[in-house]
Protein backbone atom coordinates (compact mmCIF):
# COMPACT_ATOMS: atom_id res chain seq x y z
CA MET A 1 39.90 -13.27 32.00
CA SER A 2 38.10 -16.41 33.18
CA ASP A 3 36.81 -17.41 36.61
CA ASP A 4 33.99 -19.53 38.02
CA GLY A 5 31.36 -17.16 36.63
CA TRP A 6 32.23 -17.97 33.04
CA LYS A 7 30.87 -21.38 32.06
CA PHE A 8 30.35 -21.21 28.30
CA GLU A 9 32.26 -23.19 25.69
CA PHE A 10 32.29 -22.90 21.90
CA HIS A 11 32.65 -25.90 19.60
CA ASP A 12 33.20 -26.08 15.85
CA ILE A 13 30.19 -27.03 13.74
CA PRO A 14 31.64 -29.73 11.46
CA THR A 15 29.36 -29.09 8.47
CA THR A 16 30.46 -25.43 8.36
CA GLN A 17 34.07 -26.54 7.97
CA LEU A 18 33.28 -28.33 4.70
CA GLU A 19 33.32 -27.04 1.13
CA PRO A 20 29.56 -26.97 0.46
CA PHE A 21 29.13 -24.45 3.29
CA LYS A 22 32.29 -22.44 2.59
CA GLN A 23 31.49 -22.21 -1.12
CA LEU A 24 28.14 -20.57 -0.32
CA PHE A 25 29.16 -18.50 2.75
CA THR A 26 32.39 -17.10 1.37
CA GLY A 27 32.94 -14.79 4.35
CA TYR A 28 33.26 -17.63 6.85
CA ASP A 29 36.63 -19.14 6.10
CA GLU A 30 36.75 -20.44 9.70
CA GLY A 31 33.23 -21.82 9.61
CA LEU A 32 30.89 -21.28 12.58
CA VAL A 33 30.88 -22.38 16.21
CA ARG A 34 28.13 -23.38 18.63
CA MET A 35 27.90 -22.07 22.20
CA GLU A 36 27.14 -24.45 25.04
CA PRO A 37 25.02 -24.26 27.07
CA GLY A 38 22.44 -22.65 24.85
CA GLY A 39 23.38 -24.02 21.44
CA PHE A 40 23.62 -20.63 19.76
CA VAL A 41 25.71 -20.19 16.64
CA MET A 42 28.31 -17.47 16.03
CA PRO A 43 31.55 -16.90 14.07
CA PRO A 44 34.74 -18.02 15.86
CA SER A 45 35.95 -14.42 16.22
CA TYR A 46 32.94 -13.74 18.42
CA ALA A 47 33.73 -16.77 20.56
CA ARG A 48 37.19 -15.37 21.24
CA ASN A 49 35.63 -12.19 22.64
CA ALA A 50 32.38 -13.45 24.16
CA GLU A 51 33.58 -13.33 27.75
CA LYS A 52 34.37 -9.63 27.38
CA ILE A 53 30.76 -8.96 26.39
CA TYR A 54 29.45 -11.26 29.12
CA ARG A 55 31.25 -9.23 31.79
CA MET A 56 29.98 -5.85 30.66
CA GLN A 57 27.94 -4.34 33.50
CA PRO A 58 24.37 -3.29 32.70
CA ARG A 59 23.06 -0.17 34.40
CA ASN A 60 19.64 0.17 35.94
CA ASP A 61 18.80 3.02 33.56
CA ASP A 62 19.87 1.07 30.46
CA VAL A 63 17.41 0.04 27.79
CA TRP A 64 18.45 -3.17 26.05
CA LEU A 65 16.81 -4.16 22.78
CA LEU A 66 17.04 -7.90 22.18
CA THR A 67 16.06 -9.35 18.80
CA PHE A 68 16.92 -12.12 16.43
CA PRO A 69 18.44 -10.44 13.33
CA LYS A 70 15.99 -8.90 10.83
CA CYS A 71 13.12 -8.59 13.30
CA GLY A 72 12.93 -4.79 13.26
CA THR A 73 16.08 -4.06 15.25
CA THR A 74 17.09 -0.85 13.50
CA TRP A 75 13.52 0.42 13.38
CA THR A 76 12.93 -0.16 17.08
CA CYS A 77 16.34 1.22 18.06
CA GLU A 78 15.53 4.57 16.53
CA LEU A 79 12.25 4.57 18.44
CA LEU A 80 13.92 3.73 21.75
CA TRP A 81 16.71 6.28 21.35
CA LEU A 82 14.27 9.06 20.56
CA LEU A 83 11.99 8.18 23.47
CA GLN A 84 14.99 8.15 25.80
CA ASN A 85 16.36 11.44 24.44
CA ASN A 86 13.40 13.81 24.50
CA CYS A 87 12.55 13.04 20.86
CA ASP A 88 15.51 15.14 19.74
CA PHE A 89 15.16 14.55 16.00
CA GLU A 90 17.89 17.07 15.18
CA ALA A 91 20.47 15.26 17.31
CA ALA A 92 19.37 11.91 15.89
CA GLY A 93 19.98 13.14 12.36
CA LYS A 94 23.53 14.26 13.14
CA THR A 95 24.86 10.95 14.48
CA GLY A 96 24.51 7.49 13.01
CA LEU A 97 22.35 4.98 14.84
CA THR A 98 25.27 2.54 15.20
CA ILE A 99 26.96 5.13 17.44
CA ARG A 100 23.84 6.18 19.31
CA THR A 101 22.67 2.60 19.98
CA PRO A 102 25.69 0.28 19.93
CA PHE A 103 25.63 -3.33 18.80
CA LEU A 104 27.59 -5.02 21.58
CA GLU A 105 28.88 -7.96 19.58
CA MET A 106 29.27 -6.47 16.11
CA PRO A 107 32.93 -5.36 16.37
CA TYR A 108 33.82 -8.96 17.20
CA LEU A 109 32.11 -10.83 14.37
CA SER A 110 35.07 -10.85 11.98
CA ASN A 111 38.83 -10.39 12.17
CA LYS A 112 38.99 -9.41 8.52
CA MET A 113 36.56 -6.57 7.99
CA GLN A 114 38.24 -3.50 9.44
CA ALA A 115 35.64 -1.26 7.77
CA MET A 116 32.91 -3.02 9.68
CA ARG A 117 34.85 -2.68 12.93
CA GLU A 118 35.03 1.09 12.47
CA MET A 119 31.24 1.31 12.12
CA PHE A 120 30.56 -0.12 15.57
CA MET A 121 31.57 0.61 19.16
CA ASN A 122 33.47 -2.01 21.15
CA VAL A 123 32.70 -2.87 24.77
CA ASP A 124 35.33 -0.52 26.17
CA LYS A 125 33.74 2.42 24.37
CA VAL A 126 30.23 1.34 25.33
CA GLU A 127 31.20 1.24 28.99
CA GLN A 128 32.32 4.88 28.75
CA LEU A 129 29.01 6.12 27.32
CA PRO A 130 26.94 8.41 29.53
CA SER A 131 23.57 7.25 30.76
CA PRO A 132 20.93 6.56 29.69
CA ARG A 133 22.22 4.05 27.14
CA VAL A 134 20.26 2.17 24.50
CA LEU A 135 22.08 -1.06 23.61
CA ARG A 136 21.10 -3.67 21.04
CA PRO A 137 22.75 -7.06 21.26
CA HIS A 138 21.44 -9.82 19.03
CA PHE A 139 22.72 -12.60 21.25
CA ALA A 140 19.92 -14.52 22.87
CA ILE A 141 18.50 -13.62 26.23
CA LEU A 142 19.29 -17.23 27.15
CA PHE A 143 22.94 -16.20 27.16
CA ALA A 144 22.14 -13.93 30.06
CA SER A 145 19.54 -15.94 31.91
CA THR A 146 21.66 -19.08 32.19
CA SER A 147 24.69 -17.18 33.44
CA THR A 148 25.64 -16.71 37.08
CA ALA A 149 25.63 -12.93 36.70
CA ARG A 150 22.82 -11.81 38.99
CA HIS A 151 22.36 -8.46 37.28
CA TYR A 152 21.08 -10.26 34.17
CA GLN A 153 18.90 -12.68 36.06
CA VAL A 154 16.96 -9.96 37.85
CA PHE A 155 16.81 -7.64 34.81
CA ILE A 156 18.07 -4.48 36.46
CA MET A 157 17.88 -2.89 33.00
CA GLN A 158 14.73 -2.44 30.93
CA VAL A 159 14.49 -4.99 28.12
CA VAL A 160 12.49 -4.60 24.92
CA TYR A 161 12.20 -7.75 22.82
CA VAL A 162 10.85 -7.69 19.26
CA ALA A 163 9.70 -10.88 17.54
CA ARG A 164 8.88 -11.32 13.87
CA ASN A 165 7.31 -14.19 11.98
CA PRO A 166 9.98 -16.67 10.83
CA LYS A 167 8.93 -16.70 7.17
CA ASP A 168 9.71 -13.04 6.65
CA VAL A 169 12.81 -13.36 8.83
CA ILE A 170 14.21 -16.05 6.53
CA VAL A 171 13.68 -13.89 3.45
CA SER A 172 15.09 -10.75 5.05
CA TYR A 173 18.07 -12.60 6.54
CA TYR A 174 18.79 -14.17 3.15
CA PHE A 175 19.02 -10.75 1.48
CA HIS A 176 21.06 -9.50 4.43
CA HIS A 177 23.56 -12.32 3.88
CA LYS A 178 23.76 -11.38 0.19
CA LEU A 179 24.39 -7.72 1.06
CA ILE A 180 26.89 -7.92 3.92
CA LYS A 181 30.39 -9.00 2.93
CA LEU A 182 30.95 -10.47 6.39
CA HIS A 183 28.61 -13.30 5.34
CA GLY A 184 29.47 -13.34 1.64
CA TYR A 185 26.54 -15.58 0.80
CA ILE A 186 26.21 -16.51 -2.87
CA GLY A 187 23.69 -19.37 -2.72
CA THR A 188 19.96 -19.54 -3.36
CA LEU A 189 17.10 -18.76 -0.99
CA ASP A 190 16.15 -22.45 -0.85
CA GLU A 191 19.69 -23.38 0.21
CA PHE A 192 19.76 -20.59 2.77
CA ALA A 193 16.41 -21.67 4.23
CA GLU A 194 17.80 -25.16 4.80
CA TYR A 195 20.83 -23.81 6.64
CA PHE A 196 18.51 -21.56 8.66
CA MET A 197 16.21 -24.41 9.68
CA ASN A 198 19.21 -26.63 10.44
CA ASP A 199 20.61 -23.97 12.82
CA GLU A 200 23.71 -23.38 10.72
CA VAL A 201 23.62 -19.61 10.31
CA ALA A 202 24.89 -16.93 12.69
CA TYR A 203 22.62 -16.36 15.72
CA ALA A 204 20.63 -19.56 15.11
CA PRO A 205 18.60 -21.29 16.42
CA PHE A 206 15.64 -18.99 15.82
CA PHE A 207 12.99 -20.53 18.07
CA PRO A 208 14.92 -20.90 21.35
CA HIS A 209 15.93 -17.23 20.98
CA ILE A 210 12.30 -16.10 20.83
CA LEU A 211 10.74 -18.71 23.09
CA ASP A 212 13.08 -17.89 25.97
CA ALA A 213 12.06 -14.23 25.76
CA TRP A 214 8.39 -15.24 25.41
CA SER A 215 8.65 -17.14 28.69
CA LYS A 216 9.83 -13.93 30.40
CA ARG A 217 7.29 -11.59 28.79
CA HIS A 218 5.46 -10.91 32.07
CA HIS A 219 8.56 -9.69 33.89
CA PRO A 220 8.00 -6.03 34.89
CA ASN A 221 11.25 -4.99 33.21
CA MET A 222 10.44 -6.80 29.96
CA HIS A 223 8.34 -5.44 27.08
CA PHE A 224 7.65 -8.11 24.45
CA MET A 225 6.33 -6.85 21.12
CA PHE A 226 5.74 -8.08 17.58
CA TYR A 227 7.07 -6.54 14.38
CA GLU A 228 3.71 -7.23 12.74
CA ASP A 229 1.93 -5.10 15.34
CA MET A 230 4.24 -2.20 14.48
CA LYS A 231 3.32 -2.64 10.84
CA ARG A 232 -0.38 -2.78 11.68
CA ASP A 233 -0.57 0.07 14.20
CA LEU A 234 2.70 1.98 14.53
CA ARG A 235 1.30 4.80 16.67
CA GLY A 236 -0.33 2.35 19.06
CA GLU A 237 2.89 0.36 19.52
CA ILE A 238 4.90 3.55 20.05
CA GLU A 239 2.52 4.53 22.83
CA LYS A 240 2.92 1.12 24.51
CA VAL A 241 6.73 1.34 24.43
CA ALA A 242 6.62 4.92 25.74
CA ALA A 243 4.42 3.81 28.64
CA PHE A 244 6.79 0.93 29.42
CA LEU A 245 9.72 3.37 29.56
CA GLY A 246 7.74 5.84 31.65
CA LYS A 247 7.82 8.49 28.95
CA SER A 248 5.05 10.94 28.11
CA TYR A 249 5.02 13.28 25.14
CA SER A 250 2.45 15.60 23.63
CA ASP A 251 0.17 14.42 20.85
CA GLU A 252 2.08 16.69 18.47
CA VAL A 253 5.43 15.06 19.32
CA MET A 254 3.96 11.58 19.12
CA ALA A 255 2.50 12.35 15.71
CA LYS A 256 5.92 13.61 14.54
CA LEU A 257 7.60 10.50 15.95
CA THR A 258 5.14 8.25 14.14
CA GLU A 259 5.72 10.07 10.86
CA HIS A 260 9.49 9.89 11.40
CA LEU A 261 9.28 6.10 11.81
CA LYS A 262 6.96 5.37 8.89
CA PHE A 263 8.85 2.93 6.75
CA ASP A 264 9.09 5.05 3.59
CA ASN A 265 10.60 7.89 5.61
CA PHE A 266 12.79 5.61 7.67
CA GLN A 267 14.29 3.96 4.58
CA LYS A 268 15.47 7.36 3.31
CA ASN A 269 16.97 8.44 6.65
CA GLU A 270 20.76 8.48 6.22
CA SER A 271 21.41 8.29 9.97
CA VAL A 272 19.76 4.85 10.17
CA ASN A 273 19.81 3.18 6.73
CA ASN A 274 23.50 2.14 6.89
CA GLU A 275 24.17 3.06 3.26
CA SER A 276 27.56 4.33 4.46
CA GLY A 277 28.54 0.67 4.77
CA LYS A 278 28.84 0.52 0.98
CA LYS A 279 31.34 3.40 0.95
CA MET A 280 33.37 1.66 3.65
CA GLY A 281 33.45 -1.58 1.69
CA ALA A 282 31.43 -3.58 4.20
CA MET A 283 28.46 -4.06 1.88
CA ASN A 284 27.90 -4.98 -1.73
CA GLU A 285 26.46 -2.31 -4.00
CA ASP A 286 23.37 -4.32 -4.87
CA GLY A 287 20.63 -4.25 -2.27
CA ARG A 288 19.69 -2.14 0.73
CA PHE A 289 20.10 -2.68 4.46
CA ILE A 290 16.61 -1.24 5.03
CA ARG A 291 14.85 -3.26 2.34
CA LYS A 292 11.04 -3.69 2.05
CA GLY A 293 9.95 -4.19 5.63
CA LYS A 294 6.70 -5.80 4.49
CA THR A 295 4.82 -8.51 6.33
CA GLY A 296 4.01 -11.31 3.89
CA ASP A 297 6.90 -10.64 1.48
CA TRP A 298 7.77 -14.34 1.84
CA LYS A 299 4.92 -15.11 -0.58
CA ASN A 300 6.97 -13.46 -3.34
CA HIS A 301 9.91 -15.79 -2.75
CA PHE A 302 8.82 -19.21 -1.44
CA SER A 303 7.90 -22.07 -3.73
CA PRO A 304 4.94 -24.18 -2.54
CA GLU A 305 7.36 -26.98 -1.66
CA LEU A 306 9.64 -24.71 0.40
CA ASN A 307 6.66 -23.10 2.11
CA SER A 308 5.35 -26.53 3.09
CA ARG A 309 8.68 -27.52 4.64
CA ILE A 310 8.88 -24.26 6.55
CA ASP A 311 5.31 -24.70 7.81
CA GLU A 312 6.25 -28.15 9.17
CA TRP A 313 9.35 -26.71 10.82
CA ILE A 314 7.30 -23.94 12.48
CA GLU A 315 4.62 -26.35 13.66
CA LYS A 316 7.21 -28.69 15.17
CA ASN A 317 8.97 -25.93 17.06
CA LEU A 318 5.79 -24.34 18.42
CA ALA A 319 4.11 -27.61 19.38
CA ASP A 320 4.53 -26.99 23.11
CA SER A 321 4.07 -23.21 23.09
CA ASP A 322 1.16 -20.76 22.98
CA LEU A 323 3.24 -18.36 20.88
CA LYS A 324 1.53 -17.55 17.57
CA PHE A 325 2.88 -15.65 14.56
CA VAL A 326 1.07 -13.46 12.07
CA THR A 327 2.49 -14.09 8.59
CA GLU A 328 0.16 -11.88 6.50
CA LEU A 329 -1.55 -8.52 6.99
CA GLU A 330 -4.39 -7.03 4.96
CA ASN A 331 -3.35 -3.49 5.91
CA GLN A 332 0.06 -2.29 7.02
CA ASP A 333 2.02 0.96 7.22
């Protein structure tokens, strides 16, 4: 399938081939690989299918949600789909979010988990979907912007990017790795945080993913938003996204949409909470895919020593950027 337009290579990460890693991440019997250029980390099964995703043609009426994992992806996807589909709450409740807003790379993350494959739509199916589509890849926007595919470079589609503070991302991603059998993580939070900061977890590194999007935040087809702002003023953030998409709804509909997306209601919504993954054998019984969603939950999990190391890591990576994160909120939805 290759030609001059495809210029990415994937290389094994030696430390992920060794027992310490494989004993903790029991789902990765092949270890992980790093993409060059870009340096982003994925399972080998993704690498074998990456070109297929690369060549998928965006449409000018697409909405693409780009996020690092555990930054409010599912939450924002439901918002985007409803805004794009006349806030049809009844239709949303009848079909799972993984069908309505496909994860482009998810069917390709593992060769072993057939149950997981059945939950997600592959590229061939996504290309057959009617417009307008809402798509949610996790792979970094750098993957697109360094390619020779002009349609990515000029952003013919509308892109929404959601960033979240790295402390809460680490905690949420840790519990995600404990829940999802694809990862099979059985280690401690402290051990996981080290792998995260060393760019040895899927989708790492965290900062280049966000900083590349931050550098493009003024593009007219890009809407950059923060998870913490959604927690602080959900209605206000909904209105900003609606304006970006050129959508206008009555105050009554907007109030209903806000109530629909309030976290306590969202967590109970069977069309979005992915509890079906447990029945399909893709998730462990302990834990929830939609967990707490709180800003500042990291304080309940980090030791002072771990927090200090993470602070140093954050400071180092933001030294040359004006990007700032909010890690605590006095009031949140």
